[in-house]
Amino acid sequence: MAGKPILLSALLKFKGSLMARLIYIVWFLIFALLAANPGCAAQLRETRGITRVGYSIQVGAFGEVKNAERLTAKLQAKGIDAFYFRKDNGMYAVRFGDYTSRETARREARKLVAEKVIGDYFVASPGDAYLARPKEPEVRSGNISTPSPRPGRDMGVVAARTAERFVGIPYQWGGNNVVEGMDCSGFVRAVYNLCGVNIPRNSREQFRVGENVGKVDLKDGDLVFFGSSEDAINHVGIYVGNGRFVHAPRRGDEIKVTSLDDPYFAKKFVGARRYF
């Protein structure tokens, strides 16, 4: 009889030890998942045709948009898929590249510096969401200091706020020909690139990937598509909330905010896609 209390006590200690181990494992997994979420690209849905942007190069602090346009044109003429955007301080910068390593990006940047195509630059790391940085560091050629975005931030919201930064910019570049101007798909691709995500080049391909979203379920950052049918998509924009979307209406025009209830776009609305 005396052995039973001893056995019971041992069993209770064993169960307590096992429970403590299980609790430890659960907390460890939760911590690991939180630590593994660096921002925008980490929230990317695993979808064919959508990838994370690698290392990229950013150049310039231009007060005039025309200067950013000219540099973008020079890079595009060399076959480099470049775009420009307006920064927090109102200055314009040019970004390009999708390199597998920091050293590869540096090597390409040094080559362009030697050719006198670019001047000072810095390398943006994968997962660096542009708007997630509280303040852009002061850097010189090749010196990099870019803090990581806050974990857990809703990156659809970041994409929407990034799109709004383009409003009013008179874009004159895009596609494969800078001179002909930027089309709507080039605009949304530039926004997503700044968020660390590569999406297909044209609106029809963009419509084929991502999660299908109903009009009543739209969230910030979703892409909204327009056309005569799903097989004839000819326009795309980025949803920014309150029934509005940001888009490039036509080549050479300014980036604008438009209501989904606009008679023309309400009639042409085909569907929406979500990538985060």
C-alpha atoms as a PDB file:
ATOM      1  CA  MET A   1       0.000   0.000   0.000  1.00  0.00           C
ATOM      2  CA  ALA A   2       2.859   2.343   0.819  1.00  0.00           C
ATOM      3  CA  GLY A   3       4.150   1.896  -2.719  1.00  0.00           C
ATOM      4  CA  LYS A   4       0.963   3.361  -4.263  1.00  0.00           C
ATOM      5  CA  PRO A   5       1.421   6.933  -2.971  1.00  0.00           C
ATOM      6  CA  ILE A   6       5.026   6.848  -4.156  1.00  0.00           C
ATOM      7  CA  LEU A   7       3.960   5.606  -7.595  1.00  0.00           C
ATOM      8  CA  LEU A   8       1.167   8.204  -7.780  1.00  0.00           C
ATOM      9  CA  SER A   9       3.612  10.959  -6.839  1.00  0.00           C
ATOM     10  CA  ALA A  10       6.051   9.815  -9.509  1.00  0.00           C
ATOM     11  CA  LEU A  11       3.296   9.783 -12.128  1.00  0.00           C
ATOM     12  CA  LEU A  12       2.206  13.303 -11.182  1.00  0.00           C
ATOM     13  CA  LYS A  13       5.787  14.541 -11.412  1.00  0.00           C
ATOM     14  CA  PHE A  14       6.173  12.864 -14.812  1.00  0.00           C
ATOM     15  CA  LYS A  15       2.941  14.435 -16.109  1.00  0.00           C
ATOM     16  CA  GLY A  16       4.010  17.813 -14.758  1.00  0.00           C
ATOM     17  CA  SER A  17       7.372  17.511 -16.464  1.00  0.00           C
ATOM     18  CA  LEU A  18       5.733  16.454 -19.726  1.00  0.00           C
ATOM     19  CA  MET A  19       3.309  19.383 -19.581  1.00  0.00           C
ATOM     20  CA  ALA A  20       6.152  21.802 -18.912  1.00  0.00           C
ATOM     21  CA  ARG A  21       8.000  20.457 -21.953  1.00  0.00           C
ATOM     22  CA  LEU A  22       4.906  20.788 -24.140  1.00  0.00           C
ATOM     23  CA  ILE A  23       4.372  24.373 -22.984  1.00  0.00           C
ATOM     24  CA  TYR A  24       8.035  25.160 -23.718  1.00  0.00           C
ATOM     25  CA  ILE A  25       7.765  23.665 -27.220  1.00  0.00           C
ATOM     26  CA  VAL A  26       4.593  25.644 -27.991  1.00  0.00           C
ATOM     27  CA  TRP A  27       6.166  28.941 -26.867  1.00  0.00           C
ATOM     28  CA  PHE A  28       9.317  28.178 -28.838  1.00  0.00           C
ATOM     29  CA  LEU A  29       7.296  27.602 -32.032  1.00  0.00           C
ATOM     30  CA  ILE A  30       5.308  30.810 -31.512  1.00  0.00           C
ATOM     31  CA  PHE A  31       8.517  32.811 -30.998  1.00  0.00           C
ATOM     32  CA  ALA A  32      10.104  31.227 -34.083  1.00  0.00           C
ATOM     33  CA  LEU A  33       7.106  32.113 -36.244  1.00  0.00           C
ATOM     34  CA  LEU A  34       7.090  35.726 -35.047  1.00  0.00           C
ATOM     35  CA  ALA A  35      10.833  36.081 -35.569  1.00  0.00           C
ATOM     36  CA  ALA A  36      10.537  34.678 -39.083  1.00  0.00           C
ATOM     37  CA  ASN A  37       8.175  37.442 -40.195  1.00  0.00           C
ATOM     38  CA  PRO A  38      10.382  40.260 -41.563  1.00  0.00           C
ATOM     39  CA  GLY A  39       7.581  42.143 -43.276  1.00  0.00           C
ATOM     40  CA  CYS A  40       5.935  42.448 -46.652  1.00  0.00           C
ATOM     41  CA  ALA A  41       7.524  39.596 -48.573  1.00  0.00           C
ATOM     42  CA  ALA A  42       7.121  37.278 -45.587  1.00  0.00           C
ATOM     43  CA  GLN A  43       3.338  37.684 -45.858  1.00  0.00           C
ATOM     44  CA  LEU A  44       3.438  36.789 -49.549  1.00  0.00           C
ATOM     45  CA  ARG A  45       1.084  33.989 -50.523  1.00  0.00           C
ATOM     46  CA  GLU A  46       2.815  30.994 -52.072  1.00  0.00           C
ATOM     47  CA  THR A  47       1.539  31.467 -55.616  1.00  0.00           C
ATOM     48  CA  ARG A  48       3.034  30.568 -58.941  1.00  0.00           C
ATOM     49  CA  GLY A  49       4.064  33.681 -60.843  1.00  0.00           C
ATOM     50  CA  ILE A  50       4.684  35.757 -57.688  1.00  0.00           C
ATOM     51  CA  THR A  51       8.130  35.869 -56.114  1.00  0.00           C
ATOM     52  CA  ARG A  52      10.078  37.825 -53.525  1.00  0.00           C
ATOM     53  CA  VAL A  53      12.313  40.617 -54.774  1.00  0.00           C
ATOM     54  CA  GLY A  54      16.001  40.045 -54.132  1.00  0.00           C
ATOM     55  CA  TYR A  55      18.593  42.768 -53.549  1.00  0.00           C
ATOM     56  CA  SER A  56      17.956  45.976 -55.486  1.00  0.00           C
ATOM     57  CA  ILE A  57      19.805  49.234 -56.141  1.00  0.00           C
ATOM     58  CA  GLN A  58      18.432  52.677 -55.318  1.00  0.00           C
ATOM     59  CA  VAL A  59      19.874  55.865 -56.761  1.00  0.00           C
ATOM     60  CA  GLY A  60      19.308  59.571 -56.434  1.00  0.00           C
ATOM     61  CA  ALA A  61      17.614  62.268 -54.422  1.00  0.00           C
ATOM     62  CA  PHE A  62      16.162  64.350 -57.246  1.00  0.00           C
ATOM     63  CA  GLY A  63      14.186  67.520 -56.584  1.00  0.00           C
ATOM     64  CA  GLU A  64      12.761  67.484 -60.121  1.00  0.00           C
ATOM     65  CA  VAL A  65      10.850  64.497 -61.439  1.00  0.00           C
ATOM     66  CA  LYS A  66      12.330  65.077 -64.905  1.00  0.00           C
ATOM     67  CA  ASN A  67      15.774  64.161 -63.581  1.00  0.00           C
ATOM     68  CA  ALA A  68      14.418  60.865 -62.247  1.00  0.00           C
ATOM     69  CA  GLU A  69      12.752  60.283 -65.617  1.00  0.00           C
ATOM     70  CA  ARG A  70      16.020  60.846 -67.479  1.00  0.00           C
ATOM     71  CA  LEU A  71      17.966  58.419 -65.285  1.00  0.00           C
ATOM     72  CA  THR A  72      15.211  55.822 -65.607  1.00  0.00           C
ATOM     73  CA  ALA A  73      15.341  56.266 -69.389  1.00  0.00           C
ATOM     74  CA  LYS A  74      19.120  55.712 -69.424  1.00  0.00           C
ATOM     75  CA  LEU A  75      18.775  52.519 -67.392  1.00  0.00           C
ATOM     76  CA  GLN A  76      15.872  51.247 -69.492  1.00  0.00           C
ATOM     77  CA  ALA A  77      17.918  51.900 -72.631  1.00  0.00           C
ATOM     78  CA  LYS A  78      20.511  49.499 -71.211  1.00  0.00           C
ATOM     79  CA  GLY A  79      17.840  46.836 -70.730  1.00  0.00           C
ATOM     80  CA  ILE A  80      17.465  47.441 -66.974  1.00  0.00           C
ATOM     81  CA  ASP A  81      13.923  47.297 -65.583  1.00  0.00           C
ATOM     82  CA  ALA A  82      13.979  50.545 -63.584  1.00  0.00           C
ATOM     83  CA  PHE A  83      11.281  52.782 -62.107  1.00  0.00           C
ATOM     84  CA  TYR A  84      11.175  55.984 -60.094  1.00  0.00           C
ATOM     85  CA  PHE A  85       9.091  57.070 -57.113  1.00  0.00           C
ATOM     86  CA  ARG A  86       8.586  59.910 -54.677  1.00  0.00           C
ATOM     87  CA  LYS A  87      10.165  59.525 -51.234  1.00  0.00           C
ATOM     88  CA  ASP A  88       8.888  60.658 -47.818  1.00  0.00           C
ATOM     89  CA  ASN A  89      10.707  63.989 -48.130  1.00  0.00           C
ATOM     90  CA  GLY A  90       9.238  64.768 -51.556  1.00  0.00           C
ATOM     91  CA  MET A  91      12.444  63.929 -53.419  1.00  0.00           C
ATOM     92  CA  TYR A  92      12.506  61.382 -56.239  1.00  0.00           C
ATOM     93  CA  ALA A  93      14.614  58.224 -56.406  1.00  0.00           C
ATOM     94  CA  VAL A  94      15.168  55.472 -58.961  1.00  0.00           C
ATOM     95  CA  ARG A  95      15.196  51.782 -58.069  1.00  0.00           C
ATOM     96  CA  PHE A  96      16.081  48.727 -60.135  1.00  0.00           C
ATOM     97  CA  GLY A  97      17.395  45.172 -59.974  1.00  0.00           C
ATOM     98  CA  ASP A  98      16.493  41.802 -58.509  1.00  0.00           C
ATOM     99  CA  TYR A  99      19.848  40.323 -57.497  1.00  0.00           C
ATOM    100  CA  THR A 100      20.470  37.067 -55.665  1.00  0.00           C
ATOM    101  CA  SER A 101      23.148  38.493 -53.366  1.00  0.00           C
ATOM    102  CA  ARG A 102      24.326  41.802 -51.947  1.00  0.00           C
ATOM    103  CA  GLU A 103      27.704  41.416 -53.630  1.00  0.00           C
ATOM    104  CA  THR A 104      26.084  40.848 -57.035  1.00  0.00           C
ATOM    105  CA  ALA A 105      24.094  44.053 -56.591  1.00  0.00           C
ATOM    106  CA  ARG A 106      27.207  45.963 -55.523  1.00  0.00           C
ATOM    107  CA  ARG A 107      29.145  44.637 -58.492  1.00  0.00           C
ATOM    108  CA  GLU A 108      26.444  45.792 -60.929  1.00  0.00           C
ATOM    109  CA  ALA A 109      26.228  49.185 -59.212  1.00  0.00           C
ATOM    110  CA  ARG A 110      30.002  49.697 -59.383  1.00  0.00           C
ATOM    111  CA  LYS A 111      29.915  48.855 -63.078  1.00  0.00           C
ATOM    112  CA  LEU A 112      27.237  51.487 -63.695  1.00  0.00           C
ATOM    113  CA  VAL A 113      29.180  54.025 -61.626  1.00  0.00           C
ATOM    114  CA  ALA A 114      32.297  53.327 -63.727  1.00  0.00           C
ATOM    115  CA  GLU A 115      30.226  53.862 -66.878  1.00  0.00           C
ATOM    116  CA  LYS A 116      28.999  57.164 -65.388  1.00  0.00           C
ATOM    117  CA  VAL A 117      25.382  56.031 -65.630  1.00  0.00           C
ATOM    118  CA  ILE A 118      24.709  56.427 -61.876  1.00  0.00           C
ATOM    119  CA  GLY A 119      26.376  58.159 -58.959  1.00  0.00           C
ATOM    120  CA  ASP A 120      25.809  57.472 -55.256  1.00  0.00           C
ATOM    121  CA  TYR A 121      23.661  54.452 -54.477  1.00  0.00           C
ATOM    122  CA  PHE A 122      22.648  52.063 -51.763  1.00  0.00           C
ATOM    123  CA  VAL A 123      21.570  48.421 -51.845  1.00  0.00           C
ATOM    124  CA  ALA A 124      18.142  47.508 -50.475  1.00  0.00           C
ATOM    125  CA  SER A 125      17.931  44.071 -48.871  1.00  0.00           C
ATOM    126  CA  PRO A 126      15.157  41.530 -49.575  1.00  0.00           C
ATOM    127  CA  GLY A 127      12.136  42.210 -47.390  1.00  0.00           C
ATOM    128  CA  ASP A 128      12.852  45.930 -47.043  1.00  0.00           C
ATOM    129  CA  ALA A 129       9.376  47.396 -47.474  1.00  0.00           C
ATOM    130  CA  TYR A 130       9.901  51.035 -48.450  1.00  0.00           C
ATOM    131  CA  LEU A 131       7.198  52.569 -46.256  1.00  0.00           C
ATOM    132  CA  ALA A 132       8.019  50.268 -43.331  1.00  0.00           C
ATOM    133  CA  ARG A 133      11.267  52.129 -42.727  1.00  0.00           C
ATOM    134  CA  PRO A 134      10.681  54.971 -40.280  1.00  0.00           C
ATOM    135  CA  LYS A 135      13.499  57.002 -41.800  1.00  0.00           C
ATOM    136  CA  GLU A 136      15.787  56.406 -44.713  1.00  0.00           C
ATOM    137  CA  PRO A 137      19.463  56.447 -43.681  1.00  0.00           C
ATOM    138  CA  GLU A 138      21.994  58.872 -45.056  1.00  0.00           C
ATOM    139  CA  VAL A 139      24.315  56.749 -47.190  1.00  0.00           C
ATOM    140  CA  ARG A 140      27.100  57.039 -49.680  1.00  0.00           C
ATOM    141  CA  SER A 141      28.098  54.687 -52.484  1.00  0.00           C
ATOM    142  CA  GLY A 142      27.997  51.080 -51.314  1.00  0.00           C
ATOM    143  CA  ASN A 143      27.437  51.877 -47.641  1.00  0.00           C
ATOM    144  CA  ILE A 144      24.249  50.172 -46.503  1.00  0.00           C
ATOM    145  CA  SER A 145      22.195  50.658 -43.383  1.00  0.00           C
ATOM    146  CA  THR A 146      18.534  49.725 -43.785  1.00  0.00           C
ATOM    147  CA  PRO A 147      16.509  48.691 -40.720  1.00  0.00           C
ATOM    148  CA  SER A 148      13.937  45.917 -41.064  1.00  0.00           C
ATOM    149  CA  PRO A 149      10.211  46.723 -41.133  1.00  0.00           C
ATOM    150  CA  ARG A 150       8.103  46.036 -38.054  1.00  0.00           C
ATOM    151  CA  PRO A 151       6.981  42.396 -37.750  1.00  0.00           C
ATOM    152  CA  GLY A 152       3.309  41.687 -38.178  1.00  0.00           C
ATOM    153  CA  ARG A 153       2.463  44.857 -40.089  1.00  0.00           C
ATOM    154  CA  ASP A 154      -0.426  44.436 -42.564  1.00  0.00           C
ATOM    155  CA  MET A 155       1.477  44.633 -45.821  1.00  0.00           C
ATOM    156  CA  GLY A 156      -1.663  45.089 -47.900  1.00  0.00           C
ATOM    157  CA  VAL A 157      -2.029  48.402 -46.063  1.00  0.00           C
ATOM    158  CA  VAL A 158       1.635  49.183 -46.768  1.00  0.00           C
ATOM    159  CA  ALA A 159       1.070  48.502 -50.486  1.00  0.00           C
ATOM    160  CA  ALA A 160      -1.961  50.820 -50.491  1.00  0.00           C
ATOM    161  CA  ARG A 161      -0.115  53.632 -48.722  1.00  0.00           C
ATOM    162  CA  THR A 162       2.818  53.169 -51.117  1.00  0.00           C
ATOM    163  CA  ALA A 163       0.441  53.497 -54.071  1.00  0.00           C
ATOM    164  CA  GLU A 164      -0.916  56.753 -52.650  1.00  0.00           C
ATOM    165  CA  ARG A 165       2.634  58.167 -52.646  1.00  0.00           C
ATOM    166  CA  PHE A 166       2.534  58.037 -56.453  1.00  0.00           C
ATOM    167  CA  VAL A 167      -0.621  60.153 -56.787  1.00  0.00           C
ATOM    168  CA  GLY A 168      -0.005  63.303 -58.810  1.00  0.00           C
ATOM    169  CA  ILE A 169       3.262  62.115 -60.338  1.00  0.00           C
ATOM    170  CA  PRO A 170       3.242  62.700 -64.131  1.00  0.00           C
ATOM    171  CA  TYR A 171       4.710  59.381 -65.198  1.00  0.00           C
ATOM    172  CA  GLN A 172       6.371  59.248 -68.601  1.00  0.00           C
ATOM    173  CA  TRP A 173       7.948  55.792 -68.507  1.00  0.00           C
ATOM    174  CA  GLY A 174       7.010  52.164 -68.394  1.00  0.00           C
ATOM    175  CA  GLY A 175       6.905  48.865 -70.194  1.00  0.00           C
ATOM    176  CA  ASN A 176       9.819  48.316 -72.528  1.00  0.00           C
ATOM    177  CA  ASN A 177       9.896  51.848 -73.850  1.00  0.00           C
ATOM    178  CA  VAL A 178      10.422  54.807 -71.537  1.00  0.00           C
ATOM    179  CA  VAL A 179       9.421  57.404 -74.118  1.00  0.00           C
ATOM    180  CA  GLU A 180       5.965  55.925 -74.686  1.00  0.00           C
ATOM    181  CA  GLY A 181       5.051  56.259 -71.023  1.00  0.00           C
ATOM    182  CA  MET A 182       4.076  54.077 -68.098  1.00  0.00           C
ATOM    183  CA  ASP A 183       1.040  51.828 -68.377  1.00  0.00           C
ATOM    184  CA  CYS A 184      -1.244  50.769 -65.550  1.00  0.00           C
ATOM    185  CA  SER A 185       0.350  47.362 -65.024  1.00  0.00           C
ATOM    186  CA  GLY A 186       3.804  48.940 -64.829  1.00  0.00           C
ATOM    187  CA  PHE A 187       2.564  51.221 -62.058  1.00  0.00           C
ATOM    188  CA  VAL A 188       1.167  48.435 -59.849  1.00  0.00           C
ATOM    189  CA  ARG A 189       4.282  46.370 -60.496  1.00  0.00           C
ATOM    190  CA  ALA A 190       6.470  49.263 -59.290  1.00  0.00           C
ATOM    191  CA  VAL A 191       4.398  49.601 -56.098  1.00  0.00           C
ATOM    192  CA  TYR A 192       4.637  45.900 -55.312  1.00  0.00           C
ATOM    193  CA  ASN A 193       8.349  45.927 -56.085  1.00  0.00           C
ATOM    194  CA  LEU A 194       8.814  48.599 -53.408  1.00  0.00           C
ATOM    195  CA  CYS A 195       7.047  46.207 -51.036  1.00  0.00           C
ATOM    196  CA  GLY A 196       9.502  43.439 -51.912  1.00  0.00           C
ATOM    197  CA  VAL A 197       7.227  41.458 -54.231  1.00  0.00           C
ATOM    198  CA  ASN A 198       7.567  40.601 -57.923  1.00  0.00           C
ATOM    199  CA  ILE A 199       4.286  40.246 -59.806  1.00  0.00           C
ATOM    200  CA  PRO A 200       3.772  39.530 -63.547  1.00  0.00           C
ATOM    201  CA  ARG A 201       4.438  42.292 -66.051  1.00  0.00           C
ATOM    202  CA  ASN A 202       1.025  42.825 -67.642  1.00  0.00           C
ATOM    203  CA  SER A 203      -2.503  43.094 -66.261  1.00  0.00           C
ATOM    204  CA  ARG A 204      -3.772  39.887 -67.869  1.00  0.00           C
ATOM    205  CA  GLU A 205      -1.007  37.839 -66.277  1.00  0.00           C
ATOM    206  CA  GLN A 206      -1.532  39.635 -62.961  1.00  0.00           C
ATOM    207  CA  PHE A 207      -5.217  38.675 -63.060  1.00  0.00           C
ATOM    208  CA  ARG A 208      -4.363  34.990 -63.489  1.00  0.00           C
ATOM    209  CA  VAL A 209      -2.417  34.784 -60.214  1.00  0.00           C
ATOM    210  CA  GLY A 210      -3.229  35.561 -56.605  1.00  0.00           C
ATOM    211  CA  GLU A 211      -6.365  34.863 -54.569  1.00  0.00           C
ATOM    212  CA  ASN A 212      -9.739  35.709 -56.096  1.00  0.00           C
ATOM    213  CA  VAL A 213     -11.464  38.443 -54.041  1.00  0.00           C
ATOM    214  CA  GLY A 214     -15.079  39.563 -54.242  1.00  0.00           C
ATOM    215  CA  LYS A 215     -15.857  43.257 -54.627  1.00  0.00           C
ATOM    216  CA  VAL A 216     -17.494  43.417 -51.178  1.00  0.00           C
ATOM    217  CA  ASP A 217     -14.430  41.788 -49.591  1.00  0.00           C
ATOM    218  CA  LEU A 218     -11.796  44.175 -50.942  1.00  0.00           C
ATOM    219  CA  LYS A 219      -8.953  45.162 -48.624  1.00  0.00           C
ATOM    220  CA  ASP A 220      -6.133  47.681 -48.946  1.00  0.00           C
ATOM    221  CA  GLY A 221      -3.468  46.512 -51.389  1.00  0.00           C
ATOM    222  CA  ASP A 222      -5.715  44.265 -53.497  1.00  0.00           C
ATOM    223  CA  LEU A 223      -5.462  44.695 -57.258  1.00  0.00           C
ATOM    224  CA  VAL A 224      -8.676  45.599 -59.083  1.00  0.00           C
ATOM    225  CA  PHE A 225      -9.056  44.726 -62.770  1.00  0.00           C
ATOM    226  CA  PHE A 226     -11.157  46.172 -65.568  1.00  0.00           C
ATOM    227  CA  GLY A 227     -12.052  45.186 -69.113  1.00  0.00           C
ATOM    228  CA  SER A 228     -14.814  43.800 -71.290  1.00  0.00           C
ATOM    229  CA  SER A 229     -14.328  40.287 -69.835  1.00  0.00           C
ATOM    230  CA  GLU A 230     -11.874  38.126 -67.867  1.00  0.00           C
ATOM    231  CA  ASP A 231     -10.210  37.281 -71.176  1.00  0.00           C
ATOM    232  CA  ALA A 232      -9.930  40.929 -72.169  1.00  0.00           C
ATOM    233  CA  ILE A 233      -8.387  42.706 -69.158  1.00  0.00           C
ATOM    234  CA  ASN A 234      -7.068  46.124 -70.158  1.00  0.00           C
ATOM    235  CA  HIS A 235      -6.664  48.059 -66.909  1.00  0.00           C
ATOM    236  CA  VAL A 236      -5.590  47.519 -63.297  1.00  0.00           C
ATOM    237  CA  GLY A 237      -5.272  49.594 -60.142  1.00  0.00           C
ATOM    238  CA  ILE A 238      -4.544  49.197 -56.421  1.00  0.00           C
ATOM    239  CA  TYR A 239      -7.408  49.338 -53.935  1.00  0.00           C
ATOM    240  CA  VAL A 240      -6.768  51.875 -51.151  1.00  0.00           C
ATOM    241  CA  GLY A 241      -9.987  51.668 -49.127  1.00  0.00           C
ATOM    242  CA  ASN A 242     -13.345  53.469 -49.009  1.00  0.00           C
ATOM    243  CA  GLY A 243     -14.291  52.224 -52.455  1.00  0.00           C
ATOM    244  CA  ARG A 244     -11.318  53.942 -54.128  1.00  0.00           C
ATOM    245  CA  PHE A 245      -8.333  52.753 -56.136  1.00  0.00           C
ATOM    246  CA  VAL A 246      -5.100  54.318 -57.375  1.00  0.00           C
ATOM    247  CA  HIS A 247      -4.141  53.842 -61.031  1.00  0.00           C
ATOM    248  CA  ALA A 248      -2.363  55.226 -64.069  1.00  0.00           C
ATOM    249  CA  PRO A 249      -5.294  56.292 -66.297  1.00  0.00           C
ATOM    250  CA  ARG A 250      -3.307  56.602 -69.508  1.00  0.00           C
ATOM    251  CA  ARG A 251       0.250  57.009 -70.682  1.00  0.00           C
ATOM    252  CA  GLY A 252       1.623  60.433 -69.877  1.00  0.00           C
ATOM    253  CA  ASP A 253      -1.191  61.227 -67.433  1.00  0.00           C
ATOM    254  CA  GLU A 254      -0.792  61.665 -63.664  1.00  0.00           C
ATOM    255  CA  ILE A 255      -1.379  58.809 -61.242  1.00  0.00           C
ATOM    256  CA  LYS A 256      -4.895  59.308 -59.835  1.00  0.00           C
ATOM    257  CA  VAL A 257      -7.387  58.128 -57.217  1.00  0.00           C
ATOM    258  CA  THR A 258     -10.762  57.070 -58.623  1.00  0.00           C
ATOM    259  CA  SER A 259     -13.945  55.635 -57.118  1.00  0.00           C
ATOM    260  CA  LEU A 260     -15.008  52.110 -58.044  1.00  0.00           C
ATOM    261  CA  ASP A 261     -18.494  53.624 -58.379  1.00  0.00           C
ATOM    262  CA  ASP A 262     -17.340  55.781 -61.281  1.00  0.00           C
ATOM    263  CA  PRO A 263     -19.794  54.855 -64.073  1.00  0.00           C
ATOM    264  CA  TYR A 264     -17.090  53.799 -66.513  1.00  0.00           C
ATOM    265  CA  PHE A 265     -15.098  51.677 -64.071  1.00  0.00           C
ATOM    266  CA  ALA A 266     -18.196  50.236 -62.388  1.00  0.00           C
ATOM    267  CA  LYS A 267     -19.282  48.929 -65.789  1.00  0.00           C
ATOM    268  CA  LYS A 268     -15.816  47.604 -66.666  1.00  0.00           C
ATOM    269  CA  PHE A 269     -14.998  45.990 -63.285  1.00  0.00           C
ATOM    270  CA  VAL A 270     -14.041  42.349 -63.832  1.00  0.00           C
ATOM    271  CA  GLY A 271     -12.592  41.191 -60.501  1.00  0.00           C
ATOM    272  CA  ALA A 272      -9.855  41.536 -57.900  1.00  0.00           C
ATOM    273  CA  ARG A 273      -6.824  39.594 -56.708  1.00  0.00           C
ATOM    274  CA  ARG A 274      -4.930  39.465 -53.415  1.00  0.00           C
ATOM    275  CA  TYR A 275      -1.235  38.521 -53.097  1.00  0.00           C
ATOM    276  CA  PHE A 276      -0.586  38.897 -49.340  1.00  0.00           C
END
